Protein backbone atom coordinates (compact mmCIF):
# COMPACT_ATOMS: atom_id res chain seq x y z
CA MET A 1 49.24 101.75 69.14
CA ALA A 2 49.30 100.11 72.48
CA ALA A 3 50.86 96.95 71.35
CA GLY A 4 53.62 98.94 69.50
CA THR A 5 54.55 100.42 72.74
CA ILE A 6 54.28 97.28 74.68
CA GLY A 7 57.17 96.02 72.42
CA PRO A 8 59.84 98.35 73.26
CA CYS A 9 58.86 98.17 76.96
CA THR A 10 59.85 94.59 77.00
CA GLU A 11 63.06 95.14 75.20
CA ASP A 12 63.89 98.05 77.77
CA ARG A 13 63.39 95.47 80.17
CA GLY A 14 65.76 93.39 79.35
CA ASN A 15 68.34 96.28 78.59
CA PRO A 16 69.12 97.59 82.04
CA SER A 17 70.39 94.26 82.95
CA ASP A 18 73.07 94.69 80.18
CA ASP A 19 73.57 98.31 81.42
CA ILE A 20 74.09 97.01 84.91
CA ARG A 21 76.71 94.71 83.53
CA ARG A 22 78.39 97.46 81.94
CA SER A 23 78.41 99.61 84.89
CA ARG A 24 79.77 96.55 86.96
CA ARG A 25 82.73 96.43 83.94
CA VAL A 26 82.86 100.22 84.44
CA ARG A 27 83.33 100.53 88.10
CA ARG A 28 86.02 97.82 88.00
CA ARG A 29 87.94 99.92 85.38
CA LEU A 30 87.56 103.05 87.49
CA PRO A 31 89.95 102.19 90.26
CA LEU A 32 92.57 101.45 87.84
CA ILE A 33 92.30 104.66 86.13
CA GLU A 34 92.10 106.38 89.31
CA LEU A 35 95.55 104.54 90.52
CA MET A 36 97.00 105.97 87.34
CA LEU A 37 96.00 109.43 88.04
CA LEU A 38 97.24 109.41 91.28
CA VAL A 39 100.63 108.01 90.18
CA ALA A 40 100.72 110.67 87.60
CA SER A 41 100.05 113.47 90.02
CA ILE A 42 102.57 112.34 92.53
CA ALA A 43 105.17 111.88 89.77
CA VAL A 44 104.24 115.57 88.30
CA CYS A 45 104.61 116.92 92.30
CA ALA A 46 108.03 114.83 92.59
CA ALA A 47 109.25 116.55 89.59
CA PHE A 48 108.42 120.05 90.59
CA VAL A 49 109.74 119.54 94.25
CA LEU A 50 113.04 117.95 92.84
CA ASP A 51 113.38 120.97 90.45
CA TRP A 52 112.53 123.35 93.22
CA LEU A 53 115.37 121.84 95.40
CA GLY A 54 118.14 121.55 92.87
């Protein structure tokens, strides 16, 4: 039983490095998504203001 549990543990130790790399990739993509959301929200607000003024 112990030998069976040690195997997955060693495999799990290697996986967090891959997860960290994935999280870094996600962190790099998040600012782009946030910028797109900000631009979209500003465009919607501008459209409402223009409709309200016009």
